[in-house]
Amino acid sequence: MAFPSFFSEVPAIILRDRLAEFLGAADGGLIEYHYADVVKLAGHSCPTVAGAYLMTSRVLNALYGDDMPERGDIRVDFCESQEIGVVGVTASVISMLTGAAGIGGFKGIAGNFSRRNLLCFDTELSGEVCFTRQDTGDSLSAELQLAHILPDPRMGPLLQRLLAGERDSVVAEVFATLWQDRVRQILVDHFDDPQTVRLSR
């Protein structure tokens, strides 16, 4: 499976999952996620998927500092409903990375390791998404801001041509290249850019 080469340039996200450790699924419970992993989950690579990955990485670094983030011990609240806009896609990526799940999540073993009801929607928040550590209660609200990372002006017309049924392989290739270049800008050029994710306590 061949992905765009810049995928390998995106910093990985490493967490400790105590359930994975308990069941022997990962040595020391350490799990390393790459951008390609969330692309496989979503089935595509776009600014929404990239933004969810970037937001989660930025929040985990801020919430845990030098400590290892604890997958399955983070509650995630969204201010909007799951079916609105791209909330569902964003939530699926964040759920994969943090282990937070809704009512259908893992119910735990004898009261331990539950992931259920850690992913919630329609919550009153100051930002788009709020991440809360279950061990300390520390929380951060996060808001993705990508308006300053503009798409190539050729993308719009090319997209319209393709959606209208045009079968030109050159047009399709140019569009796909431009599309992924904006994703590359978000995840490589602007990965540490404080403008891309606004955090507030």
N, C-alpha and C. Protein backbone atom coordinates (compact mmCIF):
# COMPACT_ATOMS: atom_id res chain seq x y z
N MET A 1 0.84 -1.18 0.00
CA MET A 1 0.00 0.00 0.00
C MET A 1 0.89 1.25 0.00
N ALA A 2 0.74 2.07 -1.01
CA ALA A 2 1.59 3.25 -1.13
C ALA A 2 0.82 4.51 -0.72
N PHE A 3 1.37 5.23 0.24
CA PHE A 3 0.80 6.50 0.67
C PHE A 3 1.70 7.63 0.17
N PRO A 4 1.19 8.86 0.15
CA PRO A 4 2.06 9.99 -0.18
C PRO A 4 3.29 10.01 0.74
N SER A 5 4.43 10.37 0.20
CA SER A 5 5.69 10.28 0.95
C SER A 5 5.71 11.14 2.21
N PHE A 6 4.95 12.24 2.23
CA PHE A 6 4.99 13.11 3.40
C PHE A 6 4.36 12.48 4.64
N PHE A 7 3.56 11.43 4.46
CA PHE A 7 2.96 10.76 5.62
C PHE A 7 4.04 10.37 6.63
N SER A 8 5.19 9.92 6.12
CA SER A 8 6.26 9.46 7.01
C SER A 8 6.94 10.61 7.75
N GLU A 9 6.70 11.84 7.34
CA GLU A 9 7.30 13.01 7.99
C GLU A 9 6.47 13.50 9.18
N VAL A 10 5.24 13.04 9.28
CA VAL A 10 4.35 13.51 10.35
C VAL A 10 4.74 12.83 11.67
N PRO A 11 4.96 13.59 12.74
CA PRO A 11 5.33 12.99 14.02
C PRO A 11 4.31 11.97 14.50
N ALA A 12 4.79 10.87 15.05
CA ALA A 12 3.91 9.83 15.58
C ALA A 12 3.33 10.26 16.92
N ILE A 13 2.26 9.59 17.32
CA ILE A 13 1.64 9.80 18.64
C ILE A 13 1.81 8.50 19.42
N ILE A 14 2.46 8.58 20.56
CA ILE A 14 2.71 7.38 21.39
C ILE A 14 1.95 7.52 22.71
N LEU A 15 1.21 6.48 23.05
CA LEU A 15 0.45 6.45 24.30
C LEU A 15 0.65 5.12 25.00
N ARG A 16 0.32 5.09 26.29
CA ARG A 16 0.29 3.83 27.04
C ARG A 16 -1.16 3.42 27.22
N ASP A 17 -1.48 2.22 26.81
CA ASP A 17 -2.82 1.68 26.96
C ASP A 17 -2.75 0.54 27.98
N ARG A 18 -3.26 0.77 29.18
CA ARG A 18 -3.14 -0.22 30.25
C ARG A 18 -3.96 -1.48 29.97
N LEU A 19 -5.02 -1.36 29.20
CA LEU A 19 -5.78 -2.55 28.79
C LEU A 19 -4.93 -3.40 27.85
N ALA A 20 -4.27 -2.76 26.89
CA ALA A 20 -3.39 -3.49 25.98
C ALA A 20 -2.27 -4.18 26.74
N GLU A 21 -1.75 -3.50 27.76
CA GLU A 21 -0.69 -4.10 28.58
C GLU A 21 -1.23 -5.28 29.38
N PHE A 22 -2.42 -5.11 29.99
CA PHE A 22 -3.03 -6.14 30.82
C PHE A 22 -3.30 -7.41 30.02
N LEU A 23 -3.73 -7.24 28.77
CA LEU A 23 -4.08 -8.39 27.94
C LEU A 23 -2.92 -8.86 27.05
N GLY A 24 -1.75 -8.25 27.24
CA GLY A 24 -0.57 -8.69 26.50
C GLY A 24 -0.56 -8.32 25.03
N ALA A 25 -1.31 -7.29 24.67
CA ALA A 25 -1.38 -6.90 23.26
C ALA A 25 -0.23 -5.99 22.84
N ALA A 26 0.40 -5.32 23.81
CA ALA A 26 1.50 -4.42 23.50
C ALA A 26 2.47 -4.40 24.66
N ASP A 27 3.74 -4.52 24.36
CA ASP A 27 4.77 -4.54 25.39
C ASP A 27 4.76 -3.23 26.17
N GLY A 28 4.52 -3.34 27.48
CA GLY A 28 4.45 -2.15 28.32
C GLY A 28 3.22 -1.31 28.06
N GLY A 29 2.32 -1.81 27.21
CA GLY A 29 1.11 -1.06 26.87
C GLY A 29 1.35 0.08 25.90
N LEU A 30 2.57 0.20 25.38
CA LEU A 30 2.89 1.32 24.50
C LEU A 30 2.40 1.07 23.08
N ILE A 31 1.65 2.02 22.57
CA ILE A 31 1.11 1.93 21.21
C ILE A 31 1.50 3.20 20.46
N GLU A 32 2.04 3.00 19.28
CA GLU A 32 2.48 4.13 18.45
C GLU A 32 1.56 4.27 17.25
N TYR A 33 0.96 5.45 17.11
CA TYR A 33 0.07 5.72 15.99
C TYR A 33 0.75 6.67 15.01
N HIS A 34 0.53 6.41 13.74
CA HIS A 34 1.04 7.28 12.68
C HIS A 34 -0.14 7.84 11.90
N TYR A 35 0.12 8.89 11.14
CA TYR A 35 -0.97 9.49 10.37
C TYR A 35 -1.62 8.47 9.44
N ALA A 36 -0.80 7.57 8.88
CA ALA A 36 -1.35 6.54 7.99
C ALA A 36 -2.40 5.69 8.70
N ASP A 37 -2.28 5.51 10.01
CA ASP A 37 -3.25 4.70 10.75
C ASP A 37 -4.63 5.33 10.75
N VAL A 38 -4.70 6.64 10.93
CA VAL A 38 -6.01 7.29 10.94
C VAL A 38 -6.57 7.42 9.53
N VAL A 39 -5.67 7.46 8.53
CA VAL A 39 -6.13 7.45 7.14
C VAL A 39 -6.79 6.11 6.82
N LYS A 40 -6.20 5.04 7.31
CA LYS A 40 -6.81 3.71 7.12
C LYS A 40 -8.18 3.65 7.79
N LEU A 41 -8.29 4.25 8.97
CA LEU A 41 -9.57 4.27 9.68
C LEU A 41 -10.62 5.05 8.89
N ALA A 42 -10.26 6.26 8.47
CA ALA A 42 -11.22 7.12 7.78
C ALA A 42 -11.45 6.71 6.33
N GLY A 43 -10.45 6.07 5.73
CA GLY A 43 -10.56 5.70 4.33
C GLY A 43 -10.14 6.81 3.40
N HIS A 44 -9.65 7.92 3.94
CA HIS A 44 -9.19 9.03 3.11
C HIS A 44 -8.31 9.97 3.92
N SER A 45 -7.62 10.85 3.23
CA SER A 45 -6.77 11.86 3.86
C SER A 45 -7.27 13.23 3.43
N CYS A 46 -7.66 14.04 4.40
CA CYS A 46 -8.22 15.36 4.10
C CYS A 46 -7.89 16.30 5.26
N PRO A 47 -8.16 17.61 5.12
CA PRO A 47 -7.88 18.54 6.21
C PRO A 47 -8.60 18.18 7.52
N THR A 48 -9.79 17.58 7.44
CA THR A 48 -10.50 17.20 8.66
C THR A 48 -9.77 16.08 9.39
N VAL A 49 -9.38 15.04 8.68
CA VAL A 49 -8.65 13.93 9.29
C VAL A 49 -7.31 14.41 9.80
N ALA A 50 -6.62 15.20 8.99
CA ALA A 50 -5.33 15.75 9.41
C ALA A 50 -5.49 16.65 10.63
N GLY A 51 -6.54 17.47 10.62
CA GLY A 51 -6.76 18.39 11.74
C GLY A 51 -7.06 17.66 13.03
N ALA A 52 -7.82 16.57 12.95
CA ALA A 52 -8.13 15.79 14.15
C ALA A 52 -6.87 15.15 14.72
N TYR A 53 -6.02 14.65 13.84
CA TYR A 53 -4.74 14.05 14.27
C TYR A 53 -3.86 15.11 14.93
N LEU A 54 -3.75 16.26 14.26
CA LEU A 54 -2.92 17.36 14.78
C LEU A 54 -3.45 17.86 16.12
N MET A 55 -4.77 18.06 16.21
CA MET A 55 -5.38 18.55 17.44
C MET A 55 -5.11 17.60 18.61
N THR A 56 -5.28 16.31 18.37
CA THR A 56 -5.06 15.32 19.42
C THR A 56 -3.61 15.32 19.87
N SER A 57 -2.69 15.37 18.92
CA SER A 57 -1.27 15.42 19.26
C SER A 57 -0.95 16.64 20.11
N ARG A 58 -1.46 17.79 19.71
CA ARG A 58 -1.17 19.04 20.42
C ARG A 58 -1.75 19.01 21.84
N VAL A 59 -2.98 18.51 21.97
CA VAL A 59 -3.62 18.46 23.29
C VAL A 59 -2.91 17.48 24.21
N LEU A 60 -2.56 16.31 23.71
CA LEU A 60 -1.87 15.31 24.55
C LEU A 60 -0.54 15.85 25.05
N ASN A 61 0.19 16.55 24.19
CA ASN A 61 1.46 17.15 24.62
C ASN A 61 1.24 18.17 25.72
N ALA A 62 0.17 18.97 25.59
CA ALA A 62 -0.10 20.01 26.58
C ALA A 62 -0.64 19.42 27.89
N LEU A 63 -1.47 18.39 27.80
CA LEU A 63 -2.08 17.80 29.00
C LEU A 63 -1.10 16.95 29.80
N TYR A 64 -0.19 16.28 29.12
CA TYR A 64 0.69 15.32 29.80
C TYR A 64 2.14 15.78 29.92
N GLY A 65 2.54 16.76 29.15
CA GLY A 65 3.91 17.24 29.24
C GLY A 65 4.91 16.14 28.96
N ASP A 66 5.81 15.90 29.91
CA ASP A 66 6.83 14.87 29.75
C ASP A 66 6.32 13.47 30.11
N ASP A 67 5.10 13.38 30.65
CA ASP A 67 4.53 12.07 31.01
C ASP A 67 3.94 11.40 29.78
N MET A 68 3.84 10.08 29.84
CA MET A 68 3.24 9.32 28.73
C MET A 68 1.72 9.45 28.80
N PRO A 69 1.08 9.89 27.71
CA PRO A 69 -0.39 9.96 27.70
C PRO A 69 -1.01 8.58 27.93
N GLU A 70 -2.11 8.56 28.65
CA GLU A 70 -2.79 7.31 29.00
C GLU A 70 -4.01 7.10 28.11
N ARG A 71 -3.88 6.21 27.14
CA ARG A 71 -5.01 5.91 26.26
C ARG A 71 -6.08 5.16 27.06
N GLY A 72 -7.33 5.57 26.89
CA GLY A 72 -8.43 4.96 27.64
C GLY A 72 -8.73 5.69 28.94
N ASP A 73 -7.96 6.72 29.25
CA ASP A 73 -8.17 7.48 30.49
C ASP A 73 -8.44 8.95 30.18
N ILE A 74 -8.96 9.20 28.98
CA ILE A 74 -9.22 10.57 28.53
C ILE A 74 -10.67 10.68 28.08
N ARG A 75 -11.38 11.63 28.65
CA ARG A 75 -12.76 11.91 28.23
C ARG A 75 -12.72 12.99 27.16
N VAL A 76 -13.54 12.84 26.12
CA VAL A 76 -13.58 13.81 25.03
C VAL A 76 -15.02 14.28 24.84
N ASP A 77 -15.23 15.58 24.94
CA ASP A 77 -16.55 16.18 24.77
C ASP A 77 -16.55 17.10 23.55
N PHE A 78 -17.61 17.00 22.76
CA PHE A 78 -17.79 17.88 21.60
C PHE A 78 -18.93 18.83 21.87
N CYS A 79 -18.82 20.05 21.36
CA CYS A 79 -19.90 21.01 21.60
C CYS A 79 -21.09 20.77 20.67
N GLU A 80 -20.87 20.08 19.54
CA GLU A 80 -21.94 19.85 18.58
C GLU A 80 -22.36 18.39 18.54
N SER A 81 -23.45 18.13 17.84
CA SER A 81 -23.94 16.76 17.68
C SER A 81 -23.05 15.98 16.71
N GLN A 82 -23.03 14.68 16.86
CA GLN A 82 -22.15 13.83 16.06
C GLN A 82 -22.46 13.89 14.57
N GLU A 83 -23.73 14.15 14.23
CA GLU A 83 -24.11 14.12 12.83
C GLU A 83 -23.90 15.46 12.11
N ILE A 84 -23.48 16.49 12.83
CA ILE A 84 -23.31 17.81 12.22
C ILE A 84 -21.95 17.92 11.54
N GLY A 85 -21.96 18.40 10.30
CA GLY A 85 -20.73 18.67 9.58
C GLY A 85 -19.74 17.52 9.60
N VAL A 86 -18.51 17.82 10.02
CA VAL A 86 -17.44 16.81 10.05
C VAL A 86 -17.18 16.31 11.48
N VAL A 87 -18.11 16.58 12.39
CA VAL A 87 -17.91 16.17 13.79
C VAL A 87 -17.70 14.66 13.90
N GLY A 88 -18.49 13.88 13.17
CA GLY A 88 -18.38 12.43 13.25
C GLY A 88 -17.03 11.92 12.80
N VAL A 89 -16.50 12.49 11.72
CA VAL A 89 -15.18 12.08 11.23
C VAL A 89 -14.10 12.46 12.24
N THR A 90 -14.18 13.68 12.74
CA THR A 90 -13.22 14.14 13.74
C THR A 90 -13.26 13.25 14.97
N ALA A 91 -14.47 12.91 15.40
CA ALA A 91 -14.63 12.09 16.60
C ALA A 91 -14.06 10.70 16.41
N SER A 92 -14.23 10.12 15.22
CA SER A 92 -13.72 8.77 14.99
C SER A 92 -12.20 8.73 15.07
N VAL A 93 -11.54 9.77 14.56
CA VAL A 93 -10.08 9.84 14.63
C VAL A 93 -9.62 10.02 16.07
N ILE A 94 -10.25 10.95 16.78
CA ILE A 94 -9.88 11.20 18.17
C ILE A 94 -10.16 9.98 19.03
N SER A 95 -11.25 9.30 18.76
CA SER A 95 -11.59 8.08 19.51
C SER A 95 -10.51 7.01 19.33
N MET A 96 -10.05 6.84 18.10
CA MET A 96 -9.01 5.85 17.84
C MET A 96 -7.74 6.17 18.63
N LEU A 97 -7.37 7.43 18.64
CA LEU A 97 -6.11 7.83 19.27
C LEU A 97 -6.19 7.84 20.80
N THR A 98 -7.31 8.26 21.35
CA THR A 98 -7.43 8.39 22.81
C THR A 98 -8.06 7.18 23.49
N GLY A 99 -8.78 6.36 22.71
CA GLY A 99 -9.50 5.24 23.29
C GLY A 99 -10.87 5.60 23.82
N ALA A 100 -11.20 6.89 23.82
CA ALA A 100 -12.51 7.33 24.30
C ALA A 100 -13.60 6.79 23.38
N ALA A 101 -14.66 6.24 23.98
CA ALA A 101 -15.75 5.67 23.18
C ALA A 101 -17.10 6.06 23.78
N GLY A 102 -18.12 5.92 22.96
CA GLY A 102 -19.48 6.21 23.41
C GLY A 102 -20.11 5.01 24.08
N ILE A 103 -21.43 4.91 23.97
CA ILE A 103 -22.17 3.85 24.65
C ILE A 103 -21.78 2.47 24.14
N GLY A 104 -21.25 2.39 22.91
CA GLY A 104 -20.88 1.10 22.36
C GLY A 104 -19.45 0.69 22.65
N GLY A 105 -18.76 1.48 23.46
CA GLY A 105 -17.37 1.18 23.77
C GLY A 105 -17.19 0.01 24.73
N PHE A 106 -15.94 -0.40 24.90
CA PHE A 106 -15.61 -1.51 25.78
C PHE A 106 -16.09 -1.22 27.21
N LYS A 107 -16.82 -2.17 27.79
CA LYS A 107 -17.43 -1.92 29.10
C LYS A 107 -16.50 -2.20 30.27
N GLY A 108 -15.32 -2.76 29.99
CA GLY A 108 -14.36 -2.98 31.06
C GLY A 108 -14.34 -4.42 31.57
N ILE A 109 -13.41 -4.65 32.49
CA ILE A 109 -13.24 -5.96 33.11
C ILE A 109 -13.30 -5.78 34.63
N ALA A 110 -14.37 -6.26 35.23
CA ALA A 110 -14.54 -6.13 36.69
C ALA A 110 -14.35 -4.70 37.16
N GLY A 111 -14.94 -3.77 36.40
CA GLY A 111 -14.88 -2.37 36.79
C GLY A 111 -13.62 -1.63 36.37
N ASN A 112 -12.73 -2.30 35.64
CA ASN A 112 -11.49 -1.67 35.18
C ASN A 112 -11.49 -1.55 33.66
N PHE A 113 -10.76 -0.56 33.17
CA PHE A 113 -10.47 -0.37 31.74
C PHE A 113 -11.69 0.01 30.90
N SER A 114 -12.74 0.49 31.49
CA SER A 114 -13.92 0.86 30.71
C SER A 114 -13.60 2.05 29.80
N ARG A 115 -14.08 1.95 28.56
CA ARG A 115 -13.93 3.05 27.59
C ARG A 115 -15.29 3.68 27.28
N ARG A 116 -16.31 3.11 27.85
CA ARG A 116 -17.68 3.52 27.56
C ARG A 116 -18.00 4.89 28.16
N ASN A 117 -18.77 5.68 27.41
CA ASN A 117 -19.23 7.00 27.85
C ASN A 117 -18.08 7.98 28.10
N LEU A 118 -16.99 7.81 27.38
CA LEU A 118 -15.88 8.78 27.44
C LEU A 118 -15.88 9.68 26.21
N LEU A 119 -16.81 9.45 25.30
CA LEU A 119 -16.94 10.25 24.08
C LEU A 119 -18.36 10.80 24.05
N CYS A 120 -18.50 12.11 24.23
CA CYS A 120 -19.82 12.72 24.40
C CYS A 120 -20.00 13.91 23.45
N PHE A 121 -21.26 14.19 23.15
CA PHE A 121 -21.60 15.26 22.20
C PHE A 121 -22.65 16.19 22.81
N ASP A 122 -22.87 17.32 22.13
CA ASP A 122 -23.84 18.33 22.60
C ASP A 122 -23.53 18.80 24.01
N THR A 123 -22.27 19.10 24.26
CA THR A 123 -21.83 19.56 25.57
C THR A 123 -21.52 21.05 25.50
N GLU A 124 -21.85 21.79 26.54
CA GLU A 124 -21.52 23.22 26.57
C GLU A 124 -20.03 23.39 26.78
N LEU A 125 -19.37 23.98 25.76
CA LEU A 125 -17.93 24.14 25.80
C LEU A 125 -17.54 25.53 25.31
N SER A 126 -16.31 25.93 25.67
CA SER A 126 -15.78 27.20 25.17
C SER A 126 -15.11 27.01 23.81
N GLY A 127 -14.75 25.77 23.46
CA GLY A 127 -14.13 25.47 22.17
C GLY A 127 -14.88 24.37 21.46
N GLU A 128 -14.28 23.82 20.40
CA GLU A 128 -14.93 22.76 19.65
C GLU A 128 -14.96 21.45 20.42
N VAL A 129 -13.81 21.13 21.01
CA VAL A 129 -13.63 19.84 21.67
C VAL A 129 -12.92 20.05 23.01
N CYS A 130 -13.31 19.27 24.02
CA CYS A 130 -12.65 19.35 25.32
C CYS A 130 -12.10 17.96 25.68
N PHE A 131 -10.81 17.92 26.01
CA PHE A 131 -10.15 16.68 26.43
C PHE A 131 -9.91 16.76 27.94
N THR A 132 -10.30 15.74 28.67
CA THR A 132 -10.15 15.75 30.13
C THR A 132 -9.44 14.49 30.62
N ARG A 133 -8.38 14.67 31.38
CA ARG A 133 -7.69 13.53 32.00
C ARG A 133 -8.55 13.01 33.14
N GLN A 134 -8.83 11.71 33.15
CA GLN A 134 -9.66 11.14 34.20
C GLN A 134 -8.91 10.99 35.51
N ASP A 135 -7.57 10.92 35.46
CA ASP A 135 -6.81 10.74 36.69
C ASP A 135 -6.64 12.03 37.48
N THR A 136 -6.51 13.16 36.78
CA THR A 136 -6.26 14.44 37.47
C THR A 136 -7.41 15.43 37.33
N GLY A 137 -8.27 15.22 36.34
CA GLY A 137 -9.35 16.17 36.09
C GLY A 137 -8.92 17.36 35.26
N ASP A 138 -7.63 17.44 34.91
CA ASP A 138 -7.16 18.54 34.06
C ASP A 138 -7.81 18.44 32.70
N SER A 139 -8.19 19.58 32.14
CA SER A 139 -8.84 19.56 30.84
C SER A 139 -8.36 20.71 29.97
N LEU A 140 -8.48 20.52 28.68
CA LEU A 140 -8.15 21.54 27.69
C LEU A 140 -9.22 21.55 26.61
N SER A 141 -9.67 22.74 26.27
CA SER A 141 -10.56 22.89 25.12
C SER A 141 -9.70 23.22 23.91
N ALA A 142 -10.06 22.67 22.77
CA ALA A 142 -9.27 22.87 21.56
C ALA A 142 -10.15 23.30 20.41
N GLU A 143 -9.60 24.16 19.57
CA GLU A 143 -10.32 24.64 18.40
C GLU A 143 -9.35 24.65 17.22
N LEU A 144 -9.72 23.96 16.17
CA LEU A 144 -8.87 23.86 14.98
C LEU A 144 -9.07 25.11 14.12
N GLN A 145 -7.97 25.69 13.66
CA GLN A 145 -8.03 26.90 12.84
C GLN A 145 -7.12 26.73 11.63
N LEU A 146 -7.73 26.46 10.49
CA LEU A 146 -6.95 26.20 9.28
C LEU A 146 -7.16 27.26 8.20
N ALA A 147 -7.84 28.34 8.53
CA ALA A 147 -8.17 29.35 7.51
C ALA A 147 -6.93 29.98 6.89
N HIS A 148 -5.83 30.01 7.65
CA HIS A 148 -4.61 30.63 7.13
C HIS A 148 -3.80 29.69 6.23
N ILE A 149 -4.22 28.42 6.16
CA ILE A 149 -3.56 27.46 5.28
C ILE A 149 -4.47 27.28 4.07
N LEU A 150 -4.28 28.14 3.10
CA LEU A 150 -5.23 28.22 1.98
C LEU A 150 -5.01 27.12 0.95
N PRO A 151 -6.09 26.60 0.39
CA PRO A 151 -5.95 25.62 -0.69
C PRO A 151 -5.46 26.29 -1.96
N ASP A 152 -4.83 25.54 -2.83
CA ASP A 152 -4.41 26.06 -4.13
C ASP A 152 -5.66 26.52 -4.90
N PRO A 153 -5.64 27.70 -5.50
CA PRO A 153 -6.83 28.22 -6.20
C PRO A 153 -7.30 27.35 -7.35
N ARG A 154 -6.44 26.45 -7.83
CA ARG A 154 -6.85 25.57 -8.94
C ARG A 154 -7.75 24.44 -8.46
N MET A 155 -7.76 24.18 -7.16
CA MET A 155 -8.50 23.02 -6.66
C MET A 155 -10.00 23.10 -6.91
N GLY A 156 -10.58 24.26 -6.64
CA GLY A 156 -12.03 24.41 -6.79
C GLY A 156 -12.52 24.08 -8.20
N PRO A 157 -11.97 24.72 -9.23
CA PRO A 157 -12.40 24.41 -10.59
C PRO A 157 -12.15 22.95 -10.99
N LEU A 158 -11.02 22.41 -10.57
CA LEU A 158 -10.72 21.01 -10.89
C LEU A 158 -11.73 20.07 -10.22
N LEU A 159 -12.07 20.37 -8.98
CA LEU A 159 -13.05 19.56 -8.25
C LEU A 159 -14.39 19.58 -8.97
N GLN A 160 -14.81 20.75 -9.40
CA GLN A 160 -16.10 20.87 -10.08
C GLN A 160 -16.11 20.07 -11.38
N ARG A 161 -15.01 20.08 -12.09
CA ARG A 161 -14.92 19.32 -13.34
C ARG A 161 -15.05 17.81 -13.07
N LEU A 162 -14.37 17.35 -12.03
CA LEU A 162 -14.42 15.93 -11.71
C LEU A 162 -15.79 15.51 -11.21
N LEU A 163 -16.41 16.36 -10.37
CA LEU A 163 -17.74 16.05 -9.87
C LEU A 163 -18.79 16.08 -10.97
N ALA A 164 -18.50 16.82 -12.03
CA ALA A 164 -19.43 16.90 -13.16
C ALA A 164 -19.30 15.69 -14.08
N GLY A 165 -18.34 14.81 -13.76
CA GLY A 165 -18.22 13.58 -14.52
C GLY A 165 -17.06 13.52 -15.48
N GLU A 166 -16.19 14.54 -15.48
CA GLU A 166 -15.05 14.52 -16.39
C GLU A 166 -14.12 13.36 -16.04
N ARG A 167 -13.66 12.65 -17.06
CA ARG A 167 -12.85 11.44 -16.85
C ARG A 167 -11.39 11.63 -17.25
N ASP A 168 -10.90 12.82 -17.20
CA ASP A 168 -9.52 13.11 -17.59
C ASP A 168 -8.58 12.70 -16.47
N SER A 169 -7.72 11.74 -16.72
CA SER A 169 -6.81 11.22 -15.68
C SER A 169 -5.80 12.27 -15.23
N VAL A 170 -5.41 13.15 -16.13
CA VAL A 170 -4.46 14.21 -15.78
C VAL A 170 -5.11 15.18 -14.80
N VAL A 171 -6.35 15.55 -15.09
CA VAL A 171 -7.09 16.45 -14.19
C VAL A 171 -7.23 15.80 -12.82
N ALA A 172 -7.58 14.52 -12.78
CA ALA A 172 -7.76 13.81 -11.51
C ALA A 172 -6.45 13.76 -10.73
N GLU A 173 -5.34 13.52 -11.43
CA GLU A 173 -4.04 13.44 -10.75
C GLU A 173 -3.61 14.78 -10.20
N VAL A 174 -3.80 15.83 -10.98
CA VAL A 174 -3.43 17.17 -10.50
C VAL A 174 -4.27 17.55 -9.29
N PHE A 175 -5.57 17.29 -9.36
CA PHE A 175 -6.44 17.61 -8.21
C PHE A 175 -6.00 16.86 -6.96
N ALA A 176 -5.77 15.55 -7.08
CA ALA A 176 -5.37 14.75 -5.92
C ALA A 176 -4.04 15.24 -5.34
N THR A 177 -3.11 15.62 -6.21
CA THR A 177 -1.82 16.12 -5.75
C THR A 177 -1.98 17.42 -4.97
N LEU A 178 -2.80 18.32 -5.51
CA LEU A 178 -3.03 19.60 -4.83
C LEU A 178 -3.76 19.40 -3.50
N TRP A 179 -4.71 18.46 -3.50
CA TRP A 179 -5.47 18.16 -2.28
C TRP A 179 -4.53 17.68 -1.17
N GLN A 180 -3.68 16.72 -1.51
CA GLN A 180 -2.77 16.19 -0.51
C GLN A 180 -1.68 17.18 -0.13
N ASP A 181 -1.38 18.12 -1.02
CA ASP A 181 -0.37 19.12 -0.65
C ASP A 181 -0.88 20.02 0.46
N ARG A 182 -2.19 20.30 0.46
CA ARG A 182 -2.71 21.10 1.57
C ARG A 182 -2.66 20.31 2.88
N VAL A 183 -2.95 19.01 2.80
CA VAL A 183 -2.81 18.15 3.99
C VAL A 183 -1.37 18.16 4.47
N ARG A 184 -0.43 18.09 3.52
CA ARG A 184 1.00 18.13 3.88
C ARG A 184 1.35 19.44 4.60
N GLN A 185 0.83 20.54 4.10
CA GLN A 185 1.10 21.83 4.74
C GLN A 185 0.62 21.82 6.19
N ILE A 186 -0.59 21.27 6.40
CA ILE A 186 -1.15 21.23 7.76
C ILE A 186 -0.29 20.39 8.69
N LEU A 187 0.11 19.21 8.23
CA LEU A 187 0.76 18.24 9.11
C LEU A 187 2.28 18.32 9.14
N VAL A 188 2.87 18.97 8.17
CA VAL A 188 4.34 19.07 8.13
C VAL A 188 4.78 20.52 8.34
N ASP A 189 4.34 21.40 7.44
CA ASP A 189 4.77 22.80 7.53
C ASP A 189 4.22 23.50 8.77
N HIS A 190 2.99 23.13 9.18
CA HIS A 190 2.34 23.84 10.29
C HIS A 190 2.11 22.96 11.51
N PHE A 191 2.82 21.85 11.63
CA PHE A 191 2.56 20.95 12.76
C PHE A 191 2.77 21.63 14.11
N ASP A 192 3.76 22.49 14.21
CA ASP A 192 4.04 23.19 15.47
C ASP A 192 3.55 24.63 15.46
N ASP A 193 2.79 24.99 14.46
CA ASP A 193 2.28 26.36 14.34
C ASP A 193 1.18 26.59 15.38
N PRO A 194 1.40 27.53 16.32
CA PRO A 194 0.38 27.76 17.36
C PRO A 194 -0.95 28.26 16.81
N GLN A 195 -0.95 28.78 15.58
CA GLN A 195 -2.21 29.27 15.00
C GLN A 195 -3.16 28.15 14.60
N THR A 196 -2.64 26.96 14.37
CA THR A 196 -3.49 25.89 13.83
C THR A 196 -4.44 25.30 14.88
N VAL A 197 -4.03 25.29 16.13
CA VAL A 197 -4.87 24.75 17.21
C VAL A 197 -4.86 25.74 18.36
N ARG A 198 -6.03 26.26 18.69
CA ARG A 198 -6.12 27.17 19.83
C ARG A 198 -6.54 26.36 21.06
N LEU A 199 -5.72 26.42 22.11
CA LEU A 199 -5.99 25.69 23.35
C LEU A 199 -6.39 26.64 24.46
N SER A 200 -7.32 26.22 25.29
CA SER A 200 -7.71 27.03 26.46
C SER A 200 -8.11 26.11 27.60
N ARG A 201 -7.80 26.53 28.80
CA ARG A 201 -8.14 25.71 29.97
C ARG A 201 -9.49 26.15 30.53
